[in-house]
């Protein structure tokens, strides 16, 4: 069981870390576009934004319907980031429990 479970949790931890960075890039990129610091006509910015949108929007969409905007700020990315953080902590504890 340990030979299968611990590597699976380690892979899950890596995926969650990658998703955390994608969320951070999404949040920062959205702010940069809103404040017109970067231009979406640039092909790299557009491709990066499209990728981030495709990866994060399935989780953001239901939360955006449930959560109100607070003074124009979308809270969905922060809620997803918090949930991913809690999942990372949970996976870490599971790995520590099974490894000991």
Protein backbone atom coordinates (compact mmCIF):
# COMPACT_ATOMS: atom_id res chain seq x y z
CA UNK A 1 0.00 0.00 0.00
CA UNK A 2 2.79 2.43 0.89
CA UNK A 3 4.57 1.76 -2.39
CA UNK A 4 1.56 3.07 -4.28
CA UNK A 5 0.07 5.63 -1.92
CA UNK A 6 3.10 7.76 -1.03
CA UNK A 7 4.19 8.37 -4.66
CA UNK A 8 0.59 9.14 -5.58
CA UNK A 9 0.40 11.76 -2.83
CA UNK A 10 3.76 13.18 -3.94
CA UNK A 11 2.48 13.56 -7.51
CA UNK A 12 -0.69 15.17 -6.18
CA UNK A 13 1.42 17.59 -4.16
CA UNK A 14 3.40 18.57 -7.27
CA UNK A 15 0.20 19.07 -9.28
CA UNK A 16 -1.24 21.26 -6.54
CA UNK A 17 1.94 23.34 -6.43
CA UNK A 18 1.83 23.82 -10.20
CA UNK A 19 -1.83 24.81 -10.00
CA UNK A 20 -0.99 27.29 -7.24
CA UNK A 21 1.53 28.98 -9.53
CA UNK A 22 -0.97 29.02 -12.39
CA UNK A 23 -3.47 30.70 -10.06
CA UNK A 24 -0.91 33.31 -9.03
CA UNK A 25 -0.01 34.00 -12.67
CA UNK A 26 -3.72 34.32 -13.49
CA UNK A 27 -4.33 36.80 -10.69
CA UNK A 28 -1.29 38.92 -11.52
CA UNK A 29 -1.95 38.82 -15.27
CA UNK A 30 -5.55 39.92 -14.75
CA UNK A 31 -4.40 42.86 -12.64
CA UNK A 32 -1.78 43.83 -15.21
CA UNK A 33 -4.37 43.72 -18.00
CA UNK A 34 -6.95 45.67 -15.97
CA UNK A 35 -4.46 48.43 -15.17
CA UNK A 36 -3.25 48.40 -18.80
CA UNK A 37 0.33 47.55 -17.91
CA UNK A 38 0.39 44.70 -20.41
CA UNK A 39 -1.49 44.58 -23.69
CA UNK A 40 -3.58 41.58 -24.70
CA UNK A 41 -2.72 42.26 -28.36
CA UNK A 42 0.74 40.86 -27.68
CA UNK A 43 0.68 37.19 -28.73
CA UNK A 44 2.53 35.86 -25.66
CA UNK A 45 0.23 37.68 -23.24
CA UNK A 46 -2.83 36.49 -25.16
CA UNK A 47 -1.63 32.86 -25.22
CA UNK A 48 -0.70 32.93 -21.54
CA UNK A 49 -4.07 34.47 -20.67
CA UNK A 50 -5.94 31.91 -22.76
CA UNK A 51 -4.07 29.04 -21.11
CA UNK A 52 -4.68 30.40 -17.61
CA UNK A 53 -8.35 31.00 -18.43
CA UNK A 54 -8.83 27.45 -19.72
CA UNK A 55 -7.14 25.92 -16.67
CA UNK A 56 -8.70 28.07 -13.96
CA UNK A 57 -12.14 29.04 -15.26
CA UNK A 58 -13.83 25.67 -14.57
CA UNK A 59 -13.22 26.29 -10.85
CA UNK A 60 -13.84 30.03 -10.97
CA UNK A 61 -17.18 29.95 -12.80
CA UNK A 62 -19.32 28.32 -10.06
CA UNK A 63 -17.68 30.46 -7.39
CA UNK A 64 -18.30 33.65 -9.36
CA UNK A 65 -22.00 32.82 -9.43
CA UNK A 66 -22.04 32.22 -5.67
CA UNK A 67 -19.69 34.97 -4.46
CA UNK A 68 -20.39 38.65 -4.95
CA UNK A 69 -17.77 41.08 -6.20
CA UNK A 70 -16.50 43.20 -3.33
CA UNK A 71 -15.83 46.74 -4.57
CA UNK A 72 -15.03 45.38 -8.02
CA UNK A 73 -12.70 42.64 -6.79
CA UNK A 74 -13.34 39.07 -7.89
CA UNK A 75 -13.01 36.82 -4.85
CA UNK A 76 -13.15 33.50 -6.73
CA UNK A 77 -9.39 33.27 -7.42
CA UNK A 78 -8.59 33.89 -3.77
CA UNK A 79 -11.09 31.27 -2.59
CA UNK A 80 -9.64 28.71 -5.02
CA UNK A 81 -6.10 29.62 -3.93
CA UNK A 82 -7.08 29.12 -0.30
CA UNK A 83 -8.73 25.77 -1.09
CA UNK A 84 -5.63 24.59 -2.96
CA UNK A 85 -3.48 25.62 -0.01
CA UNK A 86 -5.65 23.59 2.37
CA UNK A 87 -5.42 20.60 0.02
CA UNK A 88 -1.63 20.96 -0.02
CA UNK A 89 -1.52 20.96 3.78
CA UNK A 90 -3.79 17.91 3.88
CA UNK A 91 -1.64 16.00 1.37
CA UNK A 92 1.52 16.91 3.32
CA UNK A 93 0.00 15.54 6.52
CA UNK A 94 -1.13 12.37 4.79
CA UNK A 95 2.34 11.84 3.37
CA UNK A 96 3.92 12.44 6.81
CA UNK A 97 1.43 10.06 8.43
CA UNK A 98 2.02 7.25 5.95
CA UNK A 99 5.78 7.75 5.79
CA UNK A 100 6.27 7.46 9.54
